[in-house]
Amino acid sequence: MAITFDDFLKVDIRVGTITRAEPFPEARKPAIKLWVDFGPELGEKKTSAQIAHHYTPDALPGRQVAAVVNFPPKQIGSFMSEILVLGFPDADGEVVLISPDLKVPDGGRMF
């Protein structure tokens, strides 16, 4: 299905830096809680991501990631998710995070 450029602009994808990561043992599938700083305009947002196959909470702080920041908040168990961190599946279907290959300012919008 084709979309228009205006449709694309409705999806607000920004870059942010993970400031904190914690295990999320009560999640149905292995997941990690993330807090991501999107700079002064958006501030810090939180989410849970099923990325535990390739990543550990200790290795994530300081890493930049791409995320959709304009979804409504969603309750995931006892945790309120505010964003959707983006990734691609590897050959086994496990999530590999999308990150810029150079450091960019937090809050930058994808175009």
PDB file of N, CA and C in Angstrom:
ATOM      1  N   MET A   1       0.843  -1.171   0.000  1.00  0.00           N
ATOM      2  CA  MET A   1       0.000   0.000   0.000  1.00  0.00           C
ATOM      3  C   MET A   1       0.896   1.245   0.000  1.00  0.00           C
ATOM      4  N   ALA A   2       0.651   2.130  -0.925  1.00  0.00           N
ATOM      5  CA  ALA A   2       1.407   3.378  -1.019  1.00  0.00           C
ATOM      6  C   ALA A   2       0.864   4.395  -0.025  1.00  0.00           C
ATOM      7  N   ILE A   3       1.767   5.226   0.500  1.00  0.00           N
ATOM      8  CA  ILE A   3       1.351   6.324   1.366  1.00  0.00           C
ATOM      9  C   ILE A   3       1.814   7.629   0.732  1.00  0.00           C
ATOM     10  N   THR A   4       1.222   8.705   1.185  1.00  0.00           N
ATOM     11  CA  THR A   4       1.640  10.017   0.710  1.00  0.00           C
ATOM     12  C   THR A   4       2.743  10.555   1.620  1.00  0.00           C
ATOM     13  N   PHE A   5       3.425  11.591   1.154  1.00  0.00           N
ATOM     14  CA  PHE A   5       4.434  12.228   1.990  1.00  0.00           C
ATOM     15  C   PHE A   5       3.799  12.798   3.255  1.00  0.00           C
ATOM     16  N   ASP A   6       2.569  13.309   3.140  1.00  0.00           N
ATOM     17  CA  ASP A   6       1.866  13.810   4.333  1.00  0.00           C
ATOM     18  C   ASP A   6       1.625  12.688   5.350  1.00  0.00           C
ATOM     19  N   ASP A   7       1.344  11.472   4.855  1.00  0.00           N
ATOM     20  CA  ASP A   7       1.198  10.325   5.765  1.00  0.00           C
ATOM     21  C   ASP A   7       2.511  10.072   6.508  1.00  0.00           C
ATOM     22  N   PHE A   8       3.620  10.103   5.789  1.00  0.00           N
ATOM     23  CA  PHE A   8       4.940   9.894   6.387  1.00  0.00           C
ATOM     24  C   PHE A   8       5.215  10.934   7.470  1.00  0.00           C
ATOM     25  N   LEU A   9       4.854  12.185   7.210  1.00  0.00           N
ATOM     26  CA  LEU A   9       5.115  13.257   8.172  1.00  0.00           C
ATOM     27  C   LEU A   9       4.332  13.095   9.467  1.00  0.00           C
ATOM     28  N   LYS A  10       3.264  12.318   9.448  1.00  0.00           N
ATOM     29  CA  LYS A  10       2.475  12.087  10.665  1.00  0.00           C
ATOM     30  C   LYS A  10       3.231  11.225  11.678  1.00  0.00           C
ATOM     31  N   VAL A  11       4.181  10.426  11.200  1.00  0.00           N
ATOM     32  CA  VAL A  11       4.963   9.557  12.082  1.00  0.00           C
ATOM     33  C   VAL A  11       6.203  10.331  12.523  1.00  0.00           C
ATOM     34  N   ASP A  12       6.257  10.675  13.798  1.00  0.00           N
ATOM     35  CA  ASP A  12       7.347  11.490  14.343  1.00  0.00           C
ATOM     36  C   ASP A  12       8.442  10.566  14.875  1.00  0.00           C
ATOM     37  N   ILE A  13       9.478  10.348  14.056  1.00  0.00           N
ATOM     38  CA  ILE A  13      10.596   9.481  14.427  1.00  0.00           C
ATOM     39  C   ILE A  13      11.768  10.374  14.808  1.00  0.00           C
ATOM     40  N   ARG A  14      12.243  10.212  16.038  1.00  0.00           N
ATOM     41  CA  ARG A  14      13.326  11.039  16.571  1.00  0.00           C
ATOM     42  C   ARG A  14      14.471  10.162  17.060  1.00  0.00           C
ATOM     43  N   VAL A  15      15.627  10.790  17.211  1.00  0.00           N
ATOM     44  CA  VAL A  15      16.778  10.114  17.790  1.00  0.00           C
ATOM     45  C   VAL A  15      16.927  10.571  19.240  1.00  0.00           C
ATOM     46  N   GLY A  16      17.297   9.635  20.097  1.00  0.00           N
ATOM     47  CA  GLY A  16      17.531   9.957  21.496  1.00  0.00           C
ATOM     48  C   GLY A  16      18.624   9.065  22.060  1.00  0.00           C
ATOM     49  N   THR A  17      19.108   9.445  23.228  1.00  0.00           N
ATOM     50  CA  THR A  17      20.158   8.677  23.898  1.00  0.00           C
ATOM     51  C   THR A  17      19.572   7.954  25.105  1.00  0.00           C
ATOM     52  N   ILE A  18      19.840   6.666  25.192  1.00  0.00           N
ATOM     53  CA  ILE A  18      19.379   5.880  26.340  1.00  0.00           C
ATOM     54  C   ILE A  18      20.141   6.356  27.576  1.00  0.00           C
ATOM     55  N   THR A  19      19.394   6.771  28.592  1.00  0.00           N
ATOM     56  CA  THR A  19      20.000   7.260  29.832  1.00  0.00           C
ATOM     57  C   THR A  19      19.992   6.191  30.923  1.00  0.00           C
ATOM     58  N   ARG A  20      19.052   5.266  30.824  1.00  0.00           N
ATOM     59  CA  ARG A  20      18.897   4.243  31.860  1.00  0.00           C
ATOM     60  C   ARG A  20      18.245   3.019  31.229  1.00  0.00           C
ATOM     61  N   ALA A  21      18.618   1.843  31.701  1.00  0.00           N
ATOM     62  CA  ALA A  21      18.024   0.594  31.231  1.00  0.00           C
ATOM     63  C   ALA A  21      17.952  -0.376  32.402  1.00  0.00           C
ATOM     64  N   GLU A  22      16.814  -1.062  32.511  1.00  0.00           N
ATOM     65  CA  GLU A  22      16.612  -2.011  33.600  1.00  0.00           C
ATOM     66  C   GLU A  22      15.950  -3.275  33.065  1.00  0.00           C
ATOM     67  N   PRO A  23      16.226  -4.406  33.677  1.00  0.00           N
ATOM     68  CA  PRO A  23      15.504  -5.621  33.295  1.00  0.00           C
ATOM     69  C   PRO A  23      14.000  -5.433  33.527  1.00  0.00           C
ATOM     70  N   PHE A  24      13.199  -6.146  32.766  1.00  0.00           N
ATOM     71  CA  PHE A  24      11.741  -6.116  32.920  1.00  0.00           C
ATOM     72  C   PHE A  24      11.263  -7.561  33.064  1.00  0.00           C
ATOM     73  N   PRO A  25      11.580  -8.197  34.215  1.00  0.00           N
ATOM     74  CA  PRO A  25      11.316  -9.630  34.377  1.00  0.00           C
ATOM     75  C   PRO A  25       9.836  -9.992  34.352  1.00  0.00           C
ATOM     76  N   GLU A  26       8.949  -9.052  34.665  1.00  0.00           N
ATOM     77  CA  GLU A  26       7.525  -9.385  34.671  1.00  0.00           C
ATOM     78  C   GLU A  26       6.881  -9.322  33.283  1.00  0.00           C
ATOM     79  N   ALA A  27       7.617  -8.925  32.263  1.00  0.00           N
ATOM     80  CA  ALA A  27       7.101  -8.907  30.896  1.00  0.00           C
ATOM     81  C   ALA A  27       6.887 -10.342  30.404  1.00  0.00           C
ATOM     82  N   ARG A  28       5.904 -10.515  29.511  1.00  0.00           N
ATOM     83  CA  ARG A  28       5.611 -11.855  28.980  1.00  0.00           C
ATOM     84  C   ARG A  28       6.768 -12.415  28.163  1.00  0.00           C
ATOM     85  N   LYS A  29       7.385 -11.570  27.329  1.00  0.00           N
ATOM     86  CA  LYS A  29       8.569 -11.966  26.562  1.00  0.00           C
ATOM     87  C   LYS A  29       9.748 -11.196  27.138  1.00  0.00           C
ATOM     88  N   PRO A  30      10.959 -11.748  27.071  1.00  0.00           N
ATOM     89  CA  PRO A  30      12.115 -11.039  27.639  1.00  0.00           C
ATOM     90  C   PRO A  30      12.218  -9.607  27.097  1.00  0.00           C
ATOM     91  N   ALA A  31      12.268  -8.656  28.009  1.00  0.00           N
ATOM     92  CA  ALA A  31      12.274  -7.242  27.632  1.00  0.00           C
ATOM     93  C   ALA A  31      13.162  -6.443  28.579  1.00  0.00           C
ATOM     94  N   ILE A  32      13.458  -5.220  28.149  1.00  0.00           N
ATOM     95  CA  ILE A  32      14.250  -4.290  28.940  1.00  0.00           C
ATOM     96  C   ILE A  32      13.512  -2.960  28.980  1.00  0.00           C
ATOM     97  N   LYS A  33      13.429  -2.362  30.171  1.00  0.00           N
ATOM     98  CA  LYS A  33      12.866  -1.017  30.311  1.00  0.00           C
ATOM     99  C   LYS A  33      13.937  -0.006  29.918  1.00  0.00           C
ATOM    100  N   LEU A  34      13.547   0.975  29.113  1.00  0.00           N
ATOM    101  CA  LEU A  34      14.481   1.998  28.649  1.00  0.00           C
ATOM    102  C   LEU A  34      13.955   3.388  28.962  1.00  0.00           C
ATOM    103  N   TRP A  35      14.853   4.282  29.330  1.00  0.00           N
ATOM    104  CA  TRP A  35      14.575   5.711  29.445  1.00  0.00           C
ATOM    105  C   TRP A  35      15.462   6.387  28.413  1.00  0.00           C
ATOM    106  N   VAL A  36      14.842   7.187  27.529  1.00  0.00           N
ATOM    107  CA  VAL A  36      15.553   7.769  26.399  1.00  0.00           C
ATOM    108  C   VAL A  36      15.405   9.286  26.431  1.00  0.00           C
ATOM    109  N   ASP A  37      16.532   9.996  26.348  1.00  0.00           N
ATOM    110  CA  ASP A  37      16.550  11.460  26.356  1.00  0.00           C
ATOM    111  C   ASP A  37      16.472  11.970  24.919  1.00  0.00           C
ATOM    112  N   PHE A  38      15.408  12.736  24.623  1.00  0.00           N
ATOM    113  CA  PHE A  38      15.200  13.316  23.296  1.00  0.00           C
ATOM    114  C   PHE A  38      15.505  14.803  23.266  1.00  0.00           C
ATOM    115  N   GLY A  39      16.306  15.278  24.196  1.00  0.00           N
ATOM    116  CA  GLY A  39      16.704  16.679  24.192  1.00  0.00           C
ATOM    117  C   GLY A  39      15.674  17.585  24.840  1.00  0.00           C
ATOM    118  N   PRO A  40      15.948  18.903  24.809  1.00  0.00           N
ATOM    119  CA  PRO A  40      15.117  19.851  25.555  1.00  0.00           C
ATOM    120  C   PRO A  40      13.671  19.953  25.083  1.00  0.00           C
ATOM    121  N   GLU A  41      13.401  19.721  23.811  1.00  0.00           N
ATOM    122  CA  GLU A  41      12.024  19.864  23.308  1.00  0.00           C
ATOM    123  C   GLU A  41      11.099  18.775  23.834  1.00  0.00           C
ATOM    124  N   LEU A  42      11.560  17.526  23.825  1.00  0.00           N
ATOM    125  CA  LEU A  42      10.717  16.398  24.227  1.00  0.00           C
ATOM    126  C   LEU A  42      11.071  15.825  25.589  1.00  0.00           C
ATOM    127  N   GLY A  43      12.306  16.015  26.026  1.00  0.00           N
ATOM    128  CA  GLY A  43      12.728  15.483  27.315  1.00  0.00           C
ATOM    129  C   GLY A  43      12.917  13.976  27.289  1.00  0.00           C
ATOM    130  N   GLU A  44      12.842  13.379  28.471  1.00  0.00           N
ATOM    131  CA  GLU A  44      13.055  11.945  28.623  1.00  0.00           C
ATOM    132  C   GLU A  44      11.725  11.202  28.514  1.00  0.00           C
ATOM    133  N   LYS A  45      11.721  10.126  27.754  1.00  0.00           N
ATOM    134  CA  LYS A  45      10.549   9.258  27.585  1.00  0.00           C
ATOM    135  C   LYS A  45      10.977   7.834  27.911  1.00  0.00           C
ATOM    136  N   LYS A  46       9.997   7.008  28.278  1.00  0.00           N
ATOM    137  CA  LYS A  46      10.324   5.632  28.655  1.00  0.00           C
ATOM    138  C   LYS A  46       9.547   4.632  27.790  1.00  0.00           C
ATOM    139  N   THR A  47      10.108   3.436  27.711  1.00  0.00           N
ATOM    140  CA  THR A  47       9.478   2.358  26.961  1.00  0.00           C
ATOM    141  C   THR A  47      10.003   1.024  27.454  1.00  0.00           C
ATOM    142  N   SER A  48       9.355  -0.024  27.020  1.00  0.00           N
ATOM    143  CA  SER A  48       9.896  -1.362  27.223  1.00  0.00           C
ATOM    144  C   SER A  48      10.115  -1.949  25.837  1.00  0.00           C
ATOM    145  N   ALA A  49      11.209  -2.663  25.650  1.00  0.00           N
ATOM    146  CA  ALA A  49      11.555  -3.201  24.347  1.00  0.00           C
ATOM    147  C   ALA A  49      12.003  -4.646  24.473  1.00  0.00           C
ATOM    148  N   GLN A  50      11.554  -5.468  23.537  1.00  0.00           N
ATOM    149  CA  GLN A  50      11.924  -6.884  23.528  1.00  0.00           C
ATOM    150  C   GLN A  50      13.262  -7.046  22.796  1.00  0.00           C
ATOM    151  N   ILE A  51      14.304  -6.590  23.469  1.00  0.00           N
ATOM    152  CA  ILE A  51      15.647  -6.561  22.878  1.00  0.00           C
ATOM    153  C   ILE A  51      16.658  -7.358  23.701  1.00  0.00           C
ATOM    154  N   ALA A  52      16.173  -8.156  24.635  1.00  0.00           N
ATOM    155  CA  ALA A  52      17.061  -8.836  25.582  1.00  0.00           C
ATOM    156  C   ALA A  52      17.941  -9.912  24.935  1.00  0.00           C
ATOM    157  N   HIS A  53      17.631 -10.341  23.728  1.00  0.00           N
ATOM    158  CA  HIS A  53      18.462 -11.363  23.076  1.00  0.00           C
ATOM    159  C   HIS A  53      19.851 -10.814  22.728  1.00  0.00           C
ATOM    160  N   HIS A  54      19.892  -9.576  22.212  1.00  0.00           N
ATOM    161  CA  HIS A  54      21.167  -8.986  21.771  1.00  0.00           C
ATOM    162  C   HIS A  54      21.759  -7.963  22.735  1.00  0.00           C
ATOM    163  N   TYR A  55      20.966  -7.491  23.697  1.00  0.00           N
ATOM    164  CA  TYR A  55      21.409  -6.378  24.530  1.00  0.00           C
ATOM    165  C   TYR A  55      21.210  -6.692  26.009  1.00  0.00           C
ATOM    166  N   THR A  56      22.061  -6.094  26.849  1.00  0.00           N
ATOM    167  CA  THR A  56      21.900  -6.178  28.294  1.00  0.00           C
ATOM    168  C   THR A  56      21.672  -4.765  28.822  1.00  0.00           C
ATOM    169  N   PRO A  57      20.985  -4.618  29.936  1.00  0.00           N
ATOM    170  CA  PRO A  57      20.755  -3.278  30.478  1.00  0.00           C
ATOM    171  C   PRO A  57      22.041  -2.485  30.701  1.00  0.00           C
ATOM    172  N   ASP A  58      23.105  -3.142  31.131  1.00  0.00           N
ATOM    173  CA  ASP A  58      24.364  -2.440  31.399  1.00  0.00           C
ATOM    174  C   ASP A  58      25.012  -1.863  30.151  1.00  0.00           C
ATOM    175  N   ALA A  59      24.779  -2.468  28.995  1.00  0.00           N
ATOM    176  CA  ALA A  59      25.430  -2.043  27.751  1.00  0.00           C
ATOM    177  C   ALA A  59      24.674  -0.934  27.018  1.00  0.00           C
ATOM    178  N   LEU A  60      23.453  -0.604  27.438  1.00  0.00           N
ATOM    179  CA  LEU A  60      22.617   0.315  26.656  1.00  0.00           C
ATOM    180  C   LEU A  60      22.772   1.803  26.968  1.00  0.00           C
ATOM    181  N   PRO A  61      22.982   2.223  28.215  1.00  0.00           N
ATOM    182  CA  PRO A  61      23.102   3.667  28.461  1.00  0.00           C
ATOM    183  C   PRO A  61      24.210   4.300  27.617  1.00  0.00           C
ATOM    184  N   GLY A  62      23.879   5.459  27.035  1.00  0.00           N
ATOM    185  CA  GLY A  62      24.806   6.173  26.168  1.00  0.00           C
ATOM    186  C   GLY A  62      24.603   5.870  24.694  1.00  0.00           C
ATOM    187  N   ARG A  63      23.853   4.829  24.381  1.00  0.00           N
ATOM    188  CA  ARG A  63      23.600   4.449  22.989  1.00  0.00           C
ATOM    189  C   ARG A  63      22.461   5.286  22.417  1.00  0.00           C
ATOM    190  N   GLN A  64      22.633   5.787  21.198  1.00  0.00           N
ATOM    191  CA  GLN A  64      21.549   6.506  20.532  1.00  0.00           C
ATOM    192  C   GLN A  64      20.657   5.505  19.792  1.00  0.00           C
ATOM    193  N   VAL A  65      19.337   5.786  19.805  1.00  0.00           N
ATOM    194  CA  VAL A  65      18.354   4.939  19.140  1.00  0.00           C
ATOM    195  C   VAL A  65      17.331   5.809  18.430  1.00  0.00           C
ATOM    196  N   ALA A  66      16.626   5.206  17.478  1.00  0.00           N
ATOM    197  CA  ALA A  66      15.513   5.862  16.796  1.00  0.00           C
ATOM    198  C   ALA A  66      14.217   5.358  17.420  1.00  0.00           C
ATOM    199  N   ALA A  67      13.229   6.269  17.543  1.00  0.00           N
ATOM    200  CA  ALA A  67      11.956   5.883  18.142  1.00  0.00           C
ATOM    201  C   ALA A  67      10.819   6.731  17.591  1.00  0.00           C
ATOM    202  N   VAL A  68       9.638   6.125  17.531  1.00  0.00           N
ATOM    203  CA  VAL A  68       8.419   6.873  17.235  1.00  0.00           C
ATOM    204  C   VAL A  68       7.986   7.511  18.547  1.00  0.00           C
ATOM    205  N   VAL A  69       7.843   8.841  18.540  1.00  0.00           N
ATOM    206  CA  VAL A  69       7.546   9.549  19.787  1.00  0.00           C
ATOM    207  C   VAL A  69       6.120  10.085  19.861  1.00  0.00           C
ATOM    208  N   ASN A  70       5.294   9.853  18.835  1.00  0.00           N
ATOM    209  CA  ASN A  70       3.940  10.418  18.878  1.00  0.00           C
ATOM    210  C   ASN A  70       2.835   9.367  18.933  1.00  0.00           C
ATOM    211  N   PHE A  71       3.135   8.179  19.462  1.00  0.00           N
ATOM    212  CA  PHE A  71       2.086   7.224  19.799  1.00  0.00           C
ATOM    213  C   PHE A  71       1.496   7.618  21.144  1.00  0.00           C
ATOM    214  N   PRO A  72       0.214   7.284  21.395  1.00  0.00           N
ATOM    215  CA  PRO A  72      -0.306   7.504  22.746  1.00  0.00           C
ATOM    216  C   PRO A  72       0.368   6.541  23.724  1.00  0.00           C
ATOM    217  N   PRO A  73       0.512   6.918  24.997  1.00  0.00           N
ATOM    218  CA  PRO A  73       1.102   6.008  25.992  1.00  0.00           C
ATOM    219  C   PRO A  73       0.324   4.694  26.057  1.00  0.00           C
ATOM    220  N   LYS A  74       1.051   3.602  26.340  1.00  0.00           N
ATOM    221  CA  LYS A  74       0.437   2.274  26.411  1.00  0.00           C
ATOM    222  C   LYS A  74       0.911   1.569  27.673  1.00  0.00           C
ATOM    223  N   GLN A  75      -0.035   1.051  28.436  1.00  0.00           N
ATOM    224  CA  GLN A  75       0.290   0.308  29.651  1.00  0.00           C
ATOM    225  C   GLN A  75       0.771  -1.085  29.280  1.00  0.00           C
ATOM    226  N   ILE A  76       1.967  -1.443  29.732  1.00  0.00           N
ATOM    227  CA  ILE A  76       2.522  -2.781  29.512  1.00  0.00           C
ATOM    228  C   ILE A  76       2.799  -3.356  30.897  1.00  0.00           C
ATOM    229  N   GLY A  77       1.870  -4.150  31.383  1.00  0.00           N
ATOM    230  CA  GLY A  77       1.969  -4.647  32.749  1.00  0.00           C
ATOM    231  C   GLY A  77       1.926  -3.481  33.711  1.00  0.00           C
ATOM    232  N   SER A  78       2.924  -3.377  34.572  1.00  0.00           N
ATOM    233  CA  SER A  78       2.976  -2.295  35.557  1.00  0.00           C
ATOM    234  C   SER A  78       3.729  -1.075  35.034  1.00  0.00           C
ATOM    235  N   PHE A  79       4.072  -1.070  33.752  1.00  0.00           N
ATOM    236  CA  PHE A  79       4.946  -0.041  33.186  1.00  0.00           C
ATOM    237  C   PHE A  79       4.219   0.707  32.076  1.00  0.00           C
ATOM    238  N   MET A  80       4.315   2.039  32.076  1.00  0.00           N
ATOM    239  CA  MET A  80       3.693   2.857  31.038  1.00  0.00           C
ATOM    240  C   MET A  80       4.721   3.174  29.958  1.00  0.00           C
ATOM    241  N   SER A  81       4.474   2.676  28.751  1.00  0.00           N
ATOM    242  CA  SER A  81       5.367   2.914  27.625  1.00  0.00           C
ATOM    243  C   SER A  81       4.912   4.164  26.880  1.00  0.00           C
ATOM    244  N   GLU A  82       5.864   5.075  26.594  1.00  0.00           N
ATOM    245  CA  GLU A  82       5.536   6.352  25.963  1.00  0.00           C
ATOM    246  C   GLU A  82       6.031   6.463  24.524  1.00  0.00           C
ATOM    247  N   ILE A  83       6.916   5.582  24.103  1.00  0.00           N
ATOM    248  CA  ILE A  83       7.518   5.643  22.767  1.00  0.00           C
ATOM    249  C   ILE A  83       7.663   4.230  22.221  1.00  0.00           C
ATOM    250  N   LEU A  84       7.990   4.129  20.935  1.00  0.00           N
ATOM    251  CA  LEU A  84       8.290   2.845  20.316  1.00  0.00           C
ATOM    252  C   LEU A  84       9.692   2.920  19.740  1.00  0.00           C
ATOM    253  N   VAL A  85      10.629   2.225  20.391  1.00  0.00           N
ATOM    254  CA  VAL A  85      12.006   2.156  19.901  1.00  0.00           C
ATOM    255  C   VAL A  85      12.001   1.254  18.664  1.00  0.00           C
ATOM    256  N   LEU A  86      12.751   1.649  17.635  1.00  0.00           N
ATOM    257  CA  LEU A  86      12.718   0.947  16.356  1.00  0.00           C
ATOM    258  C   LEU A  86      13.895   0.005  16.169  1.00  0.00           C
ATOM    259  N   GLY A  87      13.638  -1.080  15.472  1.00  0.00           N
ATOM    260  CA  GLY A  87      14.676  -2.046  15.161  1.00  0.00           C
ATOM    261  C   GLY A  87      14.271  -2.894  13.976  1.00  0.00           C
ATOM    262  N   PHE A  88      15.206  -3.716  13.532  1.00  0.00           N
ATOM    263  CA  PHE A  88      14.963  -4.672  12.458  1.00  0.00           C
ATOM    264  C   PHE A  88      15.187  -6.074  12.997  1.00  0.00           C
ATOM    265  N   PRO A  89      14.494  -7.084  12.424  1.00  0.00           N
ATOM    266  CA  PRO A  89      14.748  -8.457  12.867  1.00  0.00           C
ATOM    267  C   PRO A  89      16.037  -9.002  12.258  1.00  0.00           C
ATOM    268  N   ASP A  90      16.790  -9.755  13.064  1.00  0.00           N
ATOM    269  CA  ASP A  90      17.950 -10.468  12.521  1.00  0.00           C
ATOM    270  C   ASP A  90      17.443 -11.743  11.845  1.00  0.00           C
ATOM    271  N   ALA A  91      18.332 -12.620  11.438  1.00  0.00           N
ATOM    272  CA  ALA A  91      17.945 -13.846  10.729  1.00  0.00           C
ATOM    273  C   ALA A  91      17.050 -14.757  11.564  1.00  0.00           C
ATOM    274  N   ASP A  92      17.106 -14.613  12.898  1.00  0.00           N
ATOM    275  CA  ASP A  92      16.271 -15.432  13.785  1.00  0.00           C
ATOM    276  C   ASP A  92      15.040 -14.692  14.287  1.00  0.00           C
ATOM    277  N   GLY A  93      14.814 -13.472  13.784  1.00  0.00           N
ATOM    278  CA  GLY A  93      13.651 -12.701  14.200  1.00  0.00           C
ATOM    279  C   GLY A  93      13.867 -11.886  15.468  1.00  0.00           C
ATOM    280  N   GLU A  94      15.084 -11.830  15.978  1.00  0.00           N
ATOM    281  CA  GLU A  94      15.388 -11.054  17.191  1.00  0.00           C
ATOM    282  C   GLU A  94      15.688  -9.605  16.810  1.00  0.00           C
ATOM    283  N   VAL A  95      15.284  -8.666  17.650  1.00  0.00           N
ATOM    284  CA  VAL A  95      15.392  -7.243  17.338  1.00  0.00           C
ATOM    285  C   VAL A  95      16.824  -6.729  17.433  1.00  0.00           C
ATOM    286  N   VAL A  96      17.226  -6.004  16.382  1.00  0.00           N
ATOM    287  CA  VAL A  96      18.480  -5.257  16.342  1.00  0.00           C
ATOM    288  C   VAL A  96      18.089  -3.783  16.257  1.00  0.00           C
ATOM    289  N   LEU A  97      18.517  -2.990  17.225  1.00  0.00           N
ATOM    290  CA  LEU A  97      18.130  -1.580  17.297  1.00  0.00           C
ATOM    291  C   LEU A  97      18.653  -0.766  16.119  1.00  0.00           C
ATOM    292  N   ILE A  98      17.867   0.241  15.726  1.00  0.00           N
ATOM    293  CA  ILE A  98      18.283   1.199  14.704  1.00  0.00           C
ATOM    294  C   ILE A  98      18.974   2.358  15.415  1.00  0.00           C
ATOM    295  N   SER A  99      20.186   2.673  14.973  1.00  0.00           N
ATOM    296  CA  SER A  99      20.983   3.749  15.565  1.00  0.00           C
ATOM    297  C   SER A  99      21.699   4.510  14.460  1.00  0.00           C
ATOM    298  N   PRO A 100      21.905   5.822  14.641  1.00  0.00           N
ATOM    299  CA  PRO A 100      22.738   6.528  13.662  1.00  0.00           C
ATOM    300  C   PRO A 100      24.173   6.025  13.767  1.00  0.00           C
ATOM    301  N   ASP A 101      24.901   6.041  12.651  1.00  0.00           N
ATOM    302  CA  ASP A 101      26.285   5.561  12.714  1.00  0.00           C
ATOM    303  C   ASP A 101      27.260   6.652  13.153  1.00  0.00           C
ATOM    304  N   LEU A 102      26.778   7.889  13.269  1.00  0.00           N
ATOM    305  CA  LEU A 102      27.550   8.998  13.835  1.00  0.00           C
ATOM    306  C   LEU A 102      26.707   9.655  14.909  1.00  0.00           C
ATOM    307  N   LYS A 103      27.334  10.257  15.901  1.00  0.00           N
ATOM    308  CA  LYS A 103      26.610  10.967  16.964  1.00  0.00           C
ATOM    309  C   LYS A 103      25.873  12.156  16.357  1.00  0.00           C
ATOM    310  N   VAL A 104      24.580  12.285  16.697  1.00  0.00           N
ATOM    311  CA  VAL A 104      23.760  13.405  16.239  1.00  0.00           C
ATOM    312  C   VAL A 104      23.050  14.005  17.445  1.00  0.00           C
ATOM    313  N   PRO A 105      22.575  15.262  17.345  1.00  0.00           N
ATOM    314  CA  PRO A 105      21.889  15.867  18.482  1.00  0.00           C
ATOM    315  C   PRO A 105      20.604  15.114  18.846  1.00  0.00           C
ATOM    316  N   ASP A 106      20.401  14.874  20.137  1.00  0.00           N
ATOM    317  CA  ASP A 106      19.170  14.229  20.607  1.00  0.00           C
ATOM    318  C   ASP A 106      17.971  15.084  20.218  1.00  0.00           C
ATOM    319  N   GLY A 107      16.915  14.400  19.807  1.00  0.00           N
ATOM    320  CA  GLY A 107      15.677  15.076  19.422  1.00  0.00           C
ATOM    321  C   GLY A 107      15.557  15.304  17.928  1.00  0.00           C
ATOM    322  N   GLY A 108      16.632  15.046  17.179  1.00  0.00           N
ATOM    323  CA  GLY A 108      16.564  15.248  15.729  1.00  0.00           C
ATOM    324  C   GLY A 108      15.511  14.360  15.109  1.00  0.00           C
ATOM    325  N   ARG A 109      14.743  14.949  14.186  1.00  0.00           N
ATOM    326  CA  ARG A 109      13.665  14.211  13.518  1.00  0.00           C
ATOM    327  C   ARG A 109      14.181  13.563  12.245  1.00  0.00           C
ATOM    328  N   MET A 110      13.745  12.317  12.022  1.00  0.00           N
ATOM    329  CA  MET A 110      14.142  11.603  10.808  1.00  0.00           C
ATOM    330  C   MET A 110      13.469  12.236   9.604  1.00  0.00           C
ATOM    331  N   PHE A 111      14.252  12.357   8.533  1.00  0.00           N
ATOM    332  CA  PHE A 111      13.686  12.809   7.249  1.00  0.00           C
ATOM    333  C   PHE A 111      14.381  12.109   6.110  1.00  0.00           C
TER     334      PHE A 111
END
